[in-house]
């Protein structure tokens, strides 16, 4: 309930934030006060009637905010969430969008004199959306700190897998489907032959990038886990491939999109391991997926952008924005690297400071008691899953049950830690914890089911 409500609030609060401030900071260009850093007009859509532009760009801003919710899940206070969701949608993301996509933006390829003849080629938001959201999530995870029991005193990591494989797969396909609105839809129109080609090509490269990412990470995990085919990682890999192709979806050839997906999956794996090494707890791996893979997507585009496709997409007749593998110089790569550096500096600086302020005032992290009881129970007066007989099921995933019962024998210490975590995290009323046998599978499943089910 807690994470679901936060995503609903992202849409509700974000709509007001973007309407009042965000759109003006991103695309408002007052005739007398134009500048390349930030928009200065059309706040609250004053004197502006291109509503299709507003609603499409609002979706990008709200997406950046929802990314952060995964990084601070299960321990972020609701008051702090409201504050940073409003701030990110009203100010932090719109400023980057102004740089990258507005005709006055200093990084924009639409500027009358684009940087180094190219500008930042970020067609659908590797930098302006995914990097901003992922890096904001990284700052939030660093400041709010890890979940209770996530890291043991010896530095090892306590596994906390997701609770529902069907919902995870459903969410993956919903996101994948939505990418066809973001990537091909970023063309805005299909009224010319070139636009039709760019839109259809974007759909194909989006598909291939996601597919390549899913297969790559599945194989990586199969290799490193000695033959286990991990559904979670296949879903993560597909999303990483989709992020990786977002910047260049309209300007690269279909075969190149496969490398975008492969690189995205590998980047995610490396970045995720680095987070754990530095004891940074990101429950949904949102910062590696969106932040790191967003960086990869911008770099990838600088190598694989084809001149013909760039001209079709941006309406240029003779451009210097050509990928290195197609004979381009260093101008485009330089623009992409500059964009990466300034987006990192802006997002980490502004959002990092904002999270620190929230933390200092005690608005960022929920009390430890609420976290151990469960945010649903402590903050929302109920639990997420109810059954007809009144049973409330809040227990571990099937993977944890399998691991505890027979698949991977636990030491006495690990078993006790797992039982203690179940008793703290998954119950909302007084509940008995039954020791878990490690020899008999069926009795183990029943024991754990008793341990995390609450009867009326």
Protein backbone atom coordinates (compact mmCIF):
# COMPACT_ATOMS: atom_id res chain seq x y z
CA UNK A 1 0.00 0.00 0.00
CA UNK A 2 2.77 2.43 0.87
CA UNK A 3 4.65 2.18 -2.42
CA UNK A 4 1.42 2.10 -4.43
CA UNK A 5 0.16 5.25 -2.75
CA UNK A 6 3.47 6.99 -3.38
CA UNK A 7 3.19 6.29 -7.09
CA UNK A 8 -0.36 7.61 -7.14
CA UNK A 9 0.84 10.70 -5.31
CA UNK A 10 3.61 11.15 -7.89
CA UNK A 11 0.89 11.60 -10.50
CA UNK A 12 -1.34 13.80 -8.34
CA UNK A 13 1.26 16.05 -6.70
CA UNK A 14 3.38 15.99 -9.84
CA UNK A 15 0.50 17.26 -11.95
CA UNK A 16 0.11 20.36 -9.79
CA UNK A 17 3.86 20.88 -9.49
CA UNK A 18 4.39 20.68 -13.24
CA UNK A 19 1.35 22.81 -13.99
CA UNK A 20 2.32 25.59 -11.58
CA UNK A 21 6.09 25.64 -12.07
CA UNK A 22 7.65 22.77 -14.00
CA UNK A 23 6.39 23.46 -17.50
CA UNK A 24 7.33 27.12 -17.24
CA UNK A 25 10.86 26.28 -16.09
CA UNK A 26 11.21 23.73 -18.89
CA UNK A 27 9.64 25.43 -21.92
CA UNK A 28 8.49 28.92 -20.97
CA UNK A 29 10.33 31.47 -23.10
CA UNK A 30 9.29 35.04 -22.39
CA UNK A 31 10.21 37.29 -25.33
CA UNK A 32 12.01 39.72 -23.04
CA UNK A 33 13.64 37.22 -20.65
CA UNK A 34 14.88 34.28 -22.66
CA UNK A 35 17.92 32.40 -21.44
CA UNK A 36 19.60 29.08 -22.03
CA UNK A 37 19.54 27.86 -18.42
CA UNK A 38 15.89 27.98 -17.33
CA UNK A 39 12.44 28.84 -18.68
CA UNK A 40 10.83 32.11 -17.64
CA UNK A 41 7.20 32.09 -18.82
CA UNK A 42 3.92 30.13 -19.10
CA UNK A 43 3.72 29.23 -15.41
CA UNK A 44 0.33 27.65 -14.69
CA UNK A 45 -0.01 27.56 -18.51
CA UNK A 46 -0.54 31.30 -18.59
CA UNK A 47 -0.91 32.41 -22.22
CA UNK A 48 -0.19 28.88 -23.43
CA UNK A 49 -2.63 26.60 -25.23
CA UNK A 50 -0.54 23.78 -26.69
CA UNK A 51 -1.97 21.33 -24.19
CA UNK A 52 -0.69 18.27 -26.02
CA UNK A 53 2.86 19.47 -25.37
CA UNK A 54 2.11 20.00 -21.68
CA UNK A 55 0.59 16.59 -21.04
CA UNK A 56 3.34 14.73 -22.90
CA UNK A 57 6.14 16.53 -21.08
CA UNK A 58 4.38 16.11 -17.74
CA UNK A 59 4.55 12.36 -18.27
CA UNK A 60 8.33 12.59 -18.58
CA UNK A 61 8.67 14.66 -15.41
CA UNK A 62 6.38 12.35 -13.43
CA UNK A 63 8.34 9.34 -14.65
CA UNK A 64 11.56 10.80 -13.24
CA UNK A 65 9.84 11.18 -9.86
CA UNK A 66 8.49 7.63 -9.80
CA UNK A 67 11.98 6.23 -10.39
CA UNK A 68 13.08 7.64 -7.03
CA UNK A 69 10.36 5.80 -5.12
CA UNK A 70 12.05 2.48 -5.82
CA UNK A 71 15.39 3.62 -4.43
CA UNK A 72 13.98 4.77 -1.08
CA UNK A 73 11.27 2.13 -0.74
CA UNK A 74 10.33 0.59 2.63
CA UNK A 75 11.86 3.27 4.86
CA UNK A 76 11.09 6.73 3.44
CA UNK A 77 8.62 8.83 5.43
CA UNK A 78 5.55 9.96 3.53
CA UNK A 79 6.13 13.64 4.35
CA UNK A 80 9.63 13.51 2.87
CA UNK A 81 8.31 11.72 -0.19
CA UNK A 82 5.74 14.47 -0.83
CA UNK A 83 8.43 17.14 -0.56
CA UNK A 84 10.95 15.65 -2.95
CA UNK A 85 8.29 14.51 -5.43
CA UNK A 86 7.03 18.09 -5.70
CA UNK A 87 10.54 19.55 -5.88
CA UNK A 88 11.76 17.12 -8.53
CA UNK A 89 8.74 17.63 -10.77
CA UNK A 90 8.51 21.38 -10.26
CA UNK A 91 12.17 22.33 -10.59
CA UNK A 92 14.99 19.77 -10.80
CA UNK A 93 13.86 17.79 -13.86
CA UNK A 94 12.35 20.75 -15.78
CA UNK A 95 15.67 22.62 -15.69
CA UNK A 96 17.44 19.69 -17.34
CA UNK A 97 14.61 19.36 -19.86
CA UNK A 98 15.11 23.04 -20.74
CA UNK A 99 18.82 22.47 -21.38
CA UNK A 100 18.26 19.40 -23.53
CA UNK A 101 14.96 19.83 -25.38
CA UNK A 102 13.95 23.49 -25.49
CA UNK A 103 14.94 25.64 -28.47
CA UNK A 104 16.73 28.02 -26.08
CA UNK A 105 18.54 25.31 -24.09
CA UNK A 106 22.31 25.51 -24.17
CA UNK A 107 22.64 21.73 -24.73
CA UNK A 108 19.72 21.44 -27.11
CA UNK A 109 20.19 20.22 -30.70
CA UNK A 110 17.26 22.51 -31.56
CA UNK A 111 19.22 25.62 -30.56
CA UNK A 112 19.99 27.99 -33.43
CA UNK A 113 23.69 27.41 -32.74
CA UNK A 114 23.95 23.94 -31.15
CA UNK A 115 26.97 23.10 -29.05
CA UNK A 116 29.83 21.92 -31.30
CA UNK A 117 27.43 21.62 -34.21
CA UNK A 118 25.57 18.79 -32.54
CA UNK A 119 24.02 19.46 -29.17
CA UNK A 120 23.04 16.62 -26.88
CA UNK A 121 21.26 13.90 -28.86
CA UNK A 122 18.81 12.59 -26.28
CA UNK A 123 15.71 11.80 -28.29
CA UNK A 124 13.50 10.34 -25.55
CA UNK A 125 15.26 11.02 -22.28
CA UNK A 126 18.27 8.92 -21.27
CA UNK A 127 19.63 12.06 -19.65
CA UNK A 128 16.63 14.33 -19.10
CA UNK A 129 14.48 11.60 -17.55
CA UNK A 130 16.36 8.42 -16.63
CA UNK A 131 19.60 9.95 -15.42
CA UNK A 132 17.74 12.58 -13.40
CA UNK A 133 15.45 10.01 -11.78
CA UNK A 134 18.18 7.43 -11.22
CA UNK A 135 20.69 9.86 -9.75
CA UNK A 136 18.03 11.44 -7.57
CA UNK A 137 17.21 7.95 -6.32
CA UNK A 138 20.89 7.32 -5.63
CA UNK A 139 21.11 10.50 -3.55
CA UNK A 140 17.97 9.52 -1.66
CA UNK A 141 19.26 6.02 -0.95
CA UNK A 142 22.60 7.39 0.28
CA UNK A 143 21.04 9.95 2.61
CA UNK A 144 18.14 7.87 3.97
CA UNK A 145 20.40 4.89 4.62
CA UNK A 146 19.82 1.14 4.13
CA UNK A 147 16.83 -0.82 5.34
CA UNK A 148 17.12 -2.45 8.73
CA UNK A 149 19.04 -5.75 8.50
CA UNK A 150 19.97 -5.21 4.82
CA UNK A 151 23.70 -5.31 5.63
CA UNK A 152 25.14 -7.51 8.35
CA UNK A 153 27.95 -6.25 10.62
CA UNK A 154 30.46 -8.35 8.68
CA UNK A 155 29.52 -6.54 5.44
CA UNK A 156 27.57 -9.38 3.86
CA UNK A 157 24.18 -8.69 2.27
CA UNK A 158 20.87 -10.04 3.55
CA UNK A 159 18.76 -11.13 0.58
CA UNK A 160 15.40 -9.31 0.40
CA UNK A 161 13.78 -10.46 -2.87
CA UNK A 162 10.49 -9.17 -4.22
CA UNK A 163 7.26 -10.74 -3.06
CA UNK A 164 5.36 -11.42 -6.31
CA UNK A 165 6.77 -12.81 -9.55
CA UNK A 166 3.46 -12.39 -11.45
CA UNK A 167 3.23 -8.71 -10.55
CA UNK A 168 6.86 -8.20 -11.49
CA UNK A 169 6.33 -9.68 -14.95
CA UNK A 170 3.10 -7.75 -15.39
CA UNK A 171 4.87 -4.52 -14.47
CA UNK A 172 7.70 -5.27 -16.88
CA UNK A 173 5.32 -5.69 -19.81
CA UNK A 174 3.36 -2.58 -18.85
CA UNK A 175 6.56 -0.56 -18.83
CA UNK A 176 7.73 -2.10 -22.10
CA UNK A 177 4.41 -1.21 -23.71
CA UNK A 178 4.64 2.33 -22.34
CA UNK A 179 8.07 2.73 -23.92
CA UNK A 180 6.38 2.70 -27.33
CA UNK A 181 4.61 5.87 -26.31
CA UNK A 182 7.78 7.53 -25.04
CA UNK A 183 10.25 6.54 -27.75
CA UNK A 184 8.31 6.63 -31.02
CA UNK A 185 5.95 9.22 -29.51
CA UNK A 186 8.77 11.69 -28.95
CA UNK A 187 8.63 12.48 -32.67
CA UNK A 188 5.31 14.29 -31.94
CA UNK A 189 4.01 13.89 -35.50
CA UNK A 190 3.93 11.46 -38.44
CA UNK A 191 2.86 13.85 -41.18
CA UNK A 192 5.98 13.56 -43.36
CA UNK A 193 7.74 10.53 -44.90
CA UNK A 194 10.84 11.18 -42.80
CA UNK A 195 8.78 11.32 -39.61
CA UNK A 196 7.08 8.02 -40.47
CA UNK A 197 10.48 6.40 -40.96
CA UNK A 198 11.81 7.81 -37.67
CA UNK A 199 8.76 6.70 -35.69
CA UNK A 200 8.68 3.18 -37.11
CA UNK A 201 12.43 2.80 -36.71
CA UNK A 202 12.14 3.91 -33.07
CA UNK A 203 9.58 1.18 -32.43
CA UNK A 204 11.84 -1.48 -33.94
CA UNK A 205 14.99 -0.38 -32.09
CA UNK A 206 13.03 -0.13 -28.83
CA UNK A 207 11.86 -3.73 -29.25
CA UNK A 208 15.32 -5.07 -30.08
CA UNK A 209 17.02 -3.13 -27.29
CA UNK A 210 14.67 -4.51 -24.64
CA UNK A 211 14.90 -8.04 -26.01
CA UNK A 212 18.70 -7.98 -26.09
CA UNK A 213 18.89 -6.66 -22.56
CA UNK A 214 16.58 -9.34 -21.19
CA UNK A 215 18.48 -12.20 -22.81
CA UNK A 216 21.88 -10.80 -21.85
CA UNK A 217 21.21 -10.40 -18.14
CA UNK A 218 19.45 -13.77 -18.00
CA UNK A 219 22.57 -15.41 -19.45
CA UNK A 220 24.89 -13.43 -17.18
CA UNK A 221 23.02 -14.60 -14.10
CA UNK A 222 22.78 -18.14 -15.45
CA UNK A 223 26.55 -18.18 -15.78
CA UNK A 224 27.32 -16.61 -12.40
CA UNK A 225 24.71 -18.58 -10.43
CA UNK A 226 25.70 -22.01 -11.78
CA UNK A 227 22.76 -22.78 -13.99
CA UNK A 228 19.88 -20.88 -12.37
CA UNK A 229 17.59 -19.05 -14.83
CA UNK A 230 16.51 -15.98 -12.88
CA UNK A 231 13.16 -14.48 -13.87
CA UNK A 232 13.85 -11.28 -11.95
CA UNK A 233 17.05 -10.62 -13.84
CA UNK A 234 15.42 -11.31 -17.21
CA UNK A 235 12.86 -8.60 -16.40
CA UNK A 236 15.53 -6.22 -15.13
CA UNK A 237 17.63 -6.82 -18.23
CA UNK A 238 14.74 -6.01 -20.55
CA UNK A 239 14.16 -2.70 -18.77
CA UNK A 240 17.88 -1.89 -18.85
CA UNK A 241 17.92 -2.50 -22.60
CA UNK A 242 14.94 -0.20 -23.00
CA UNK A 243 16.70 2.55 -21.04
CA UNK A 244 19.88 2.06 -23.05
CA UNK A 245 18.15 2.58 -26.41
CA UNK A 246 16.06 5.57 -25.30
CA UNK A 247 18.54 8.26 -26.32
CA UNK A 248 19.31 6.97 -29.79
CA UNK A 249 16.19 5.01 -30.73
CA UNK A 250 15.44 7.17 -33.78
CA UNK A 251 19.00 7.67 -35.04
CA UNK A 252 20.56 4.19 -34.94
CA UNK A 253 20.07 1.16 -37.14
CA UNK A 254 18.11 -1.83 -35.79
CA UNK A 255 21.19 -4.04 -35.50
CA UNK A 256 22.89 -1.40 -33.34
CA UNK A 257 19.99 -1.48 -30.89
CA UNK A 258 21.05 -4.99 -29.92
CA UNK A 259 24.35 -3.59 -28.64
CA UNK A 260 22.45 -0.92 -26.73
CA UNK A 261 20.54 -3.66 -24.92
CA UNK A 262 23.62 -5.79 -24.26
CA UNK A 263 25.55 -2.80 -22.93
CA UNK A 264 22.63 -1.74 -20.76
CA UNK A 265 22.41 -5.16 -19.12
CA UNK A 266 26.15 -5.32 -18.44
CA UNK A 267 26.17 -1.75 -17.12
CA UNK A 268 23.33 -2.60 -14.74
CA UNK A 269 25.12 -5.65 -13.39
CA UNK A 270 28.35 -3.75 -12.75
CA UNK A 271 26.62 -0.71 -11.21
CA UNK A 272 24.40 -2.89 -8.99
CA UNK A 273 27.40 -4.75 -7.60
CA UNK A 274 29.16 -1.46 -6.90
CA UNK A 275 26.19 -0.22 -4.87
CA UNK A 276 26.29 -3.33 -2.69
CA UNK A 277 30.06 -3.01 -2.31
CA UNK A 278 29.58 0.51 -0.94
CA UNK A 279 26.64 -0.63 1.23
CA UNK A 280 24.07 1.49 -0.61
CA UNK A 281 20.61 -0.06 -0.42
CA UNK A 282 18.45 0.45 -3.52
CA UNK A 283 15.57 -2.05 -3.17
CA UNK A 284 14.47 -1.89 -6.81
CA UNK A 285 17.95 -1.22 -8.26
CA UNK A 286 16.44 1.93 -9.75
CA UNK A 287 19.64 3.97 -9.73
CA UNK A 288 21.72 1.38 -11.63
CA UNK A 289 18.89 0.73 -14.06
CA UNK A 290 18.02 4.33 -14.85
CA UNK A 291 21.06 6.34 -13.80
CA UNK A 292 23.88 4.08 -15.00
CA UNK A 293 22.03 2.76 -18.05
CA UNK A 294 21.02 6.32 -18.93
CA UNK A 295 24.70 7.25 -19.02
CA UNK A 296 25.41 4.23 -21.20
CA UNK A 297 22.61 5.20 -23.59
CA UNK A 298 24.05 8.68 -24.18
CA UNK A 299 27.53 7.30 -24.83
CA UNK A 300 26.19 4.56 -27.10
CA UNK A 301 24.41 7.13 -29.29
CA UNK A 302 27.66 9.03 -29.88
CA UNK A 303 29.13 5.95 -31.55
CA UNK A 304 26.17 4.56 -33.49
CA UNK A 305 24.17 7.60 -34.70
CA UNK A 306 23.77 7.53 -38.48
CA UNK A 307 23.84 10.86 -40.33
CA UNK A 308 20.83 10.06 -42.52
CA UNK A 309 18.72 9.13 -39.50
CA UNK A 310 19.78 12.21 -37.52
CA UNK A 311 18.72 14.41 -40.42
CA UNK A 312 15.39 12.60 -40.72
CA UNK A 313 14.70 12.97 -37.02
CA UNK A 314 15.79 16.55 -36.45
CA UNK A 315 15.03 17.99 -39.87
CA UNK A 316 18.61 19.01 -40.61
CA UNK A 317 20.06 19.03 -44.09
CA UNK A 318 23.78 18.83 -43.30
CA UNK A 319 24.71 17.92 -39.77
CA UNK A 320 27.88 17.32 -37.79
CA UNK A 321 25.98 15.06 -35.38
CA UNK A 322 27.36 11.80 -36.70
CA UNK A 323 28.37 8.73 -34.72
CA UNK A 324 32.05 7.89 -34.52
CA UNK A 325 31.48 4.52 -36.22
CA UNK A 326 29.99 6.36 -39.19
CA UNK A 327 32.90 8.72 -39.69
CA UNK A 328 31.90 11.46 -37.28
CA UNK A 329 34.40 13.48 -35.32
CA UNK A 330 34.60 14.03 -31.58
CA UNK A 331 32.01 16.81 -31.49
CA UNK A 332 29.01 14.61 -30.82
CA UNK A 333 30.84 12.46 -28.28
CA UNK A 334 32.03 15.64 -26.58
CA UNK A 335 28.47 16.96 -26.34
CA UNK A 336 27.23 13.65 -24.90
CA UNK A 337 30.01 13.61 -22.28
CA UNK A 338 29.41 17.24 -21.33
CA UNK A 339 25.73 16.46 -20.95
CA UNK A 340 26.50 13.49 -18.70
CA UNK A 341 28.79 15.52 -16.46
CA UNK A 342 26.45 18.48 -16.02
CA UNK A 343 23.39 16.30 -15.40
CA UNK A 344 25.30 14.35 -12.75
CA UNK A 345 26.52 17.57 -11.12
CA UNK A 346 23.10 19.23 -11.21
CA UNK A 347 21.05 16.27 -10.02
CA UNK A 348 23.43 15.04 -7.33
CA UNK A 349 24.11 18.57 -6.11
CA UNK A 350 20.55 19.87 -6.00
CA UNK A 351 18.75 16.68 -4.95
CA UNK A 352 21.55 15.62 -2.62
CA UNK A 353 21.28 18.92 -0.76
CA UNK A 354 17.50 18.68 -0.71
CA UNK A 355 17.57 15.18 0.79
CA UNK A 356 20.10 16.28 3.41
CA UNK A 357 17.81 19.14 4.45
CA UNK A 358 14.86 16.77 4.74
CA UNK A 359 16.99 14.40 6.81
CA UNK A 360 18.15 17.18 9.13
CA UNK A 361 14.54 18.12 9.87
CA UNK A 362 13.58 14.49 10.48
CA UNK A 363 11.21 14.34 7.51
CA UNK A 364 13.01 11.79 5.36
CA UNK A 365 13.20 8.46 7.19
CA UNK A 366 10.36 6.69 8.90
CA UNK A 367 10.90 5.65 12.56
CA UNK A 368 12.59 2.29 13.02
CA UNK A 369 9.51 0.93 14.79
CA UNK A 370 7.32 1.77 11.79
CA UNK A 371 9.82 0.22 9.41
CA UNK A 372 9.98 -3.06 11.32
CA UNK A 373 6.18 -3.22 11.68
CA UNK A 374 5.79 -2.53 7.99
CA UNK A 375 4.94 0.79 6.37
CA UNK A 376 1.50 -0.44 5.33
CA UNK A 377 0.45 -1.16 8.88
CA UNK A 378 2.22 1.76 10.53
CA UNK A 379 1.20 4.50 8.08
CA UNK A 380 -1.86 3.31 6.19
CA UNK A 381 -3.94 1.38 8.70
CA UNK A 382 -3.94 -1.96 6.96
CA UNK A 383 -2.14 -4.58 4.94
CA UNK A 384 -1.76 -5.10 1.22
CA UNK A 385 -3.25 -8.59 0.87
CA UNK A 386 -6.49 -9.87 2.36
CA UNK A 387 -8.25 -13.16 1.66
CA UNK A 388 -11.88 -14.18 1.92
CA UNK A 389 -11.35 -16.03 5.18
CA UNK A 390 -9.76 -12.97 6.76
CA UNK A 391 -6.19 -14.23 6.53
CA UNK A 392 -3.57 -11.54 6.03
CA UNK A 393 -0.57 -12.80 4.10
CA UNK A 394 2.55 -10.72 4.53
CA UNK A 395 5.30 -13.26 4.39
CA UNK A 396 8.45 -13.93 2.40
CA UNK A 397 8.53 -14.82 -1.24
CA UNK A 398 8.53 -18.39 -2.42
CA UNK A 399 12.23 -18.00 -3.19
CA UNK A 400 12.95 -17.29 0.47
CA UNK A 401 10.81 -20.23 1.59
CA UNK A 402 12.59 -22.56 -0.80
CA UNK A 403 15.97 -21.26 0.33
CA UNK A 404 15.11 -21.63 4.00
CA UNK A 405 13.64 -25.10 3.69
CA UNK A 406 15.80 -27.18 1.42
CA UNK A 407 17.42 -25.53 -1.60
CA UNK A 408 20.34 -23.86 0.18
CA UNK A 409 20.93 -25.13 3.74
CA UNK A 410 21.24 -22.24 6.16
CA UNK A 411 23.57 -22.02 9.11
CA UNK A 412 21.99 -21.67 12.51
CA UNK A 413 22.95 -17.96 12.54
CA UNK A 414 21.44 -17.28 9.11
CA UNK A 415 18.30 -19.19 9.97
CA UNK A 416 17.81 -17.21 13.17
CA UNK A 417 18.39 -13.93 11.33
CA UNK A 418 15.80 -14.87 8.74
CA UNK A 419 13.22 -15.77 11.39
CA UNK A 420 13.88 -12.53 13.24
CA UNK A 421 13.46 -10.54 10.04
CA UNK A 422 10.21 -12.32 9.23
CA UNK A 423 8.88 -11.59 12.72
CA UNK A 424 9.79 -7.88 12.46
CA UNK A 425 9.04 -7.13 8.85
CA UNK A 426 6.10 -9.24 7.81
CA UNK A 427 3.67 -9.15 10.73
CA UNK A 428 1.21 -6.50 11.80
CA UNK A 429 -0.17 -8.21 14.91
CA UNK A 430 1.23 -10.41 17.64
CA UNK A 431 2.33 -13.56 15.86
CA UNK A 432 4.17 -16.72 16.73
CA UNK A 433 7.30 -17.67 14.84
CA UNK A 434 7.81 -21.36 14.25
CA UNK A 435 11.38 -22.70 13.85
CA UNK A 436 11.99 -23.91 10.31
CA UNK A 437 13.25 -27.44 9.79
CA UNK A 438 15.87 -27.85 7.09
CA UNK A 439 15.25 -31.49 6.25
CA UNK A 440 11.60 -31.91 5.36
CA UNK A 441 10.36 -29.63 2.57
CA UNK A 442 6.63 -29.87 3.22
CA UNK A 443 6.86 -29.25 6.96
CA UNK A 444 9.18 -26.32 6.29
CA UNK A 445 6.70 -24.71 3.92
CA UNK A 446 3.92 -25.13 6.47
CA UNK A 447 6.07 -23.75 9.26
CA UNK A 448 6.98 -20.63 7.34
CA UNK A 449 3.38 -20.21 6.21
CA UNK A 450 2.29 -20.30 9.85
CA UNK A 451 5.05 -17.86 10.70
CA UNK A 452 3.85 -15.19 8.33
CA UNK A 453 0.10 -15.70 8.20
CA UNK A 454 -2.19 -13.93 10.68
CA UNK A 455 -5.53 -15.55 11.37
CA UNK A 456 -8.51 -13.50 12.61
